Amino acid sequence: MYSLTLEYPRSKDTMYCDMITHAANVELLVHGIYALQNTHKTLLFDHSRDLTLALLLLSNSPLYRAKITSNTPISGHLL
């Protein structure tokens, strides 16, 4: 799996980050990109194509900074 981390300002608490990350995941789903949220700020993807598209779609948000944290496959699959 590939991972994307949403970096939030330090002033934001974990619950806020979790809710915004979930909303970002739903936004990706609307665009046909399937991801798994494994922490309050991290999304996992099976395919590098989905990771790249997610970065492009989420990079324009003023709420967080989207950053690829693993661009090499991690063992395991979402489905």
C-alpha atoms as a PDB file:
ATOM      1  CA  MET A   1       0.000   0.000   0.000  1.00  0.00           C
ATOM      2  CA  TYR A   2       0.986   3.603  -0.507  1.00  0.00           C
ATOM      3  CA  SER A   3       0.413   6.287   2.109  1.00  0.00           C
ATOM      4  CA  LEU A   4      -0.563   9.942   2.058  1.00  0.00           C
ATOM      5  CA  THR A   5      -0.451  12.077   5.189  1.00  0.00           C
ATOM      6  CA  LEU A   6      -2.468  15.227   5.709  1.00  0.00           C
ATOM      7  CA  GLU A   7      -0.407  17.627   7.817  1.00  0.00           C
ATOM      8  CA  TYR A   8      -2.495  19.936   9.984  1.00  0.00           C
ATOM      9  CA  PRO A   9      -1.560  23.040  11.964  1.00  0.00           C
ATOM     10  CA  ARG A  10      -0.342  22.160  15.471  1.00  0.00           C
ATOM     11  CA  SER A  11      -3.318  23.994  16.982  1.00  0.00           C
ATOM     12  CA  LYS A  12      -5.785  21.392  15.635  1.00  0.00           C
ATOM     13  CA  ASP A  13      -6.747  18.470  17.878  1.00  0.00           C
ATOM     14  CA  THR A  14      -6.942  14.807  16.866  1.00  0.00           C
ATOM     15  CA  MET A  15     -10.744  14.742  16.527  1.00  0.00           C
ATOM     16  CA  TYR A  16     -10.685  17.710  14.139  1.00  0.00           C
ATOM     17  CA  CYS A  17      -7.950  16.045  12.045  1.00  0.00           C
ATOM     18  CA  ASP A  18      -9.865  12.751  11.997  1.00  0.00           C
ATOM     19  CA  MET A  19     -13.058  14.403  10.751  1.00  0.00           C
ATOM     20  CA  ILE A  20     -11.319  16.403   8.020  1.00  0.00           C
ATOM     21  CA  THR A  21      -9.319  13.352   6.902  1.00  0.00           C
ATOM     22  CA  HIS A  22     -12.553  11.359   6.716  1.00  0.00           C
ATOM     23  CA  ALA A  23     -14.141  14.118   4.609  1.00  0.00           C
ATOM     24  CA  ALA A  24     -11.097  14.057   2.298  1.00  0.00           C
ATOM     25  CA  ASN A  25     -11.496  10.290   1.962  1.00  0.00           C
ATOM     26  CA  VAL A  26     -15.166  10.728   0.994  1.00  0.00           C
ATOM     27  CA  GLU A  27     -14.124  13.349  -1.581  1.00  0.00           C
ATOM     28  CA  LEU A  28     -11.709  10.838  -3.088  1.00  0.00           C
ATOM     29  CA  LEU A  29     -14.427   8.171  -3.176  1.00  0.00           C
ATOM     30  CA  VAL A  30     -16.662  10.530  -5.157  1.00  0.00           C
ATOM     31  CA  HIS A  31     -13.875  10.626  -7.754  1.00  0.00           C
ATOM     32  CA  GLY A  32     -13.559   6.835  -7.819  1.00  0.00           C
ATOM     33  CA  ILE A  33     -10.415   6.685  -5.692  1.00  0.00           C
ATOM     34  CA  TYR A  34     -10.536   4.061  -2.941  1.00  0.00           C
ATOM     35  CA  ALA A  35      -8.509   4.625   0.212  1.00  0.00           C
ATOM     36  CA  LEU A  36      -8.347   3.369   3.770  1.00  0.00           C
ATOM     37  CA  GLN A  37      -7.988   5.805   6.664  1.00  0.00           C
ATOM     38  CA  ASN A  38      -5.693   4.131   9.190  1.00  0.00           C
ATOM     39  CA  THR A  39      -4.957   7.116  11.482  1.00  0.00           C
ATOM     40  CA  HIS A  40      -6.457  10.532  12.132  1.00  0.00           C
ATOM     41  CA  LYS A  41      -4.276  11.973   9.363  1.00  0.00           C
ATOM     42  CA  THR A  42      -3.184   9.118   7.071  1.00  0.00           C
ATOM     43  CA  LEU A  43      -4.795   7.515   4.019  1.00  0.00           C
ATOM     44  CA  LEU A  44      -3.601   4.273   2.411  1.00  0.00           C
ATOM     45  CA  PHE A  45      -3.892   3.310  -1.270  1.00  0.00           C
ATOM     46  CA  ASP A  46      -3.381   0.041  -3.151  1.00  0.00           C
ATOM     47  CA  HIS A  47      -2.163   1.663  -6.359  1.00  0.00           C
ATOM     48  CA  SER A  48       0.384   4.395  -7.069  1.00  0.00           C
ATOM     49  CA  ARG A  49      -2.039   5.893  -9.615  1.00  0.00           C
ATOM     50  CA  ASP A  50      -4.618   6.455  -6.859  1.00  0.00           C
ATOM     51  CA  LEU A  51      -1.955   7.977  -4.604  1.00  0.00           C
ATOM     52  CA  THR A  52      -0.933  10.431  -7.309  1.00  0.00           C
ATOM     53  CA  LEU A  53      -4.511  11.415  -8.152  1.00  0.00           C
ATOM     54  CA  ALA A  54      -5.327  11.819  -4.447  1.00  0.00           C
ATOM     55  CA  LEU A  55      -2.355  14.127  -3.994  1.00  0.00           C
ATOM     56  CA  LEU A  56      -3.520  16.246  -6.922  1.00  0.00           C
ATOM     57  CA  LEU A  57      -7.115  16.412  -5.674  1.00  0.00           C
ATOM     58  CA  LEU A  58      -6.254  17.164  -2.045  1.00  0.00           C
ATOM     59  CA  SER A  59      -3.294  19.508  -2.509  1.00  0.00           C
ATOM     60  CA  ASN A  60      -5.466  22.594  -2.935  1.00  0.00           C
ATOM     61  CA  SER A  61      -7.037  22.517   0.539  1.00  0.00           C
ATOM     62  CA  PRO A  62      -6.367  25.388   2.964  1.00  0.00           C
ATOM     63  CA  LEU A  63      -7.054  23.038   5.918  1.00  0.00           C
ATOM     64  CA  TYR A  64      -3.998  20.807   5.579  1.00  0.00           C
ATOM     65  CA  ARG A  65      -0.915  20.034   3.515  1.00  0.00           C
ATOM     66  CA  ALA A  66      -1.073  16.717   1.641  1.00  0.00           C
ATOM     67  CA  LYS A  67       2.239  14.843   1.633  1.00  0.00           C
ATOM     68  CA  ILE A  68       3.228  11.437   0.248  1.00  0.00           C
ATOM     69  CA  THR A  69       4.778   9.496   3.111  1.00  0.00           C
ATOM     70  CA  SER A  70       5.317   6.201   1.312  1.00  0.00           C
ATOM     71  CA  ASN A  71       5.576   5.906  -2.439  1.00  0.00           C
ATOM     72  CA  THR A  72       6.744   2.300  -2.348  1.00  0.00           C
ATOM     73  CA  PRO A  73       4.347  -0.579  -1.818  1.00  0.00           C
ATOM     74  CA  ILE A  74       3.733  -1.623   1.786  1.00  0.00           C
ATOM     75  CA  SER A  75       2.700  -5.264   2.123  1.00  0.00           C
ATOM     76  CA  GLY A  76      -1.028  -5.857   2.232  1.00  0.00           C
ATOM     77  CA  HIS A  77      -4.083  -4.915   0.214  1.00  0.00           C
ATOM     78  CA  LEU A  78      -7.155  -2.834   0.939  1.00  0.00           C
ATOM     79  CA  LEU A  79      -9.583  -5.258  -0.645  1.00  0.00           C
END
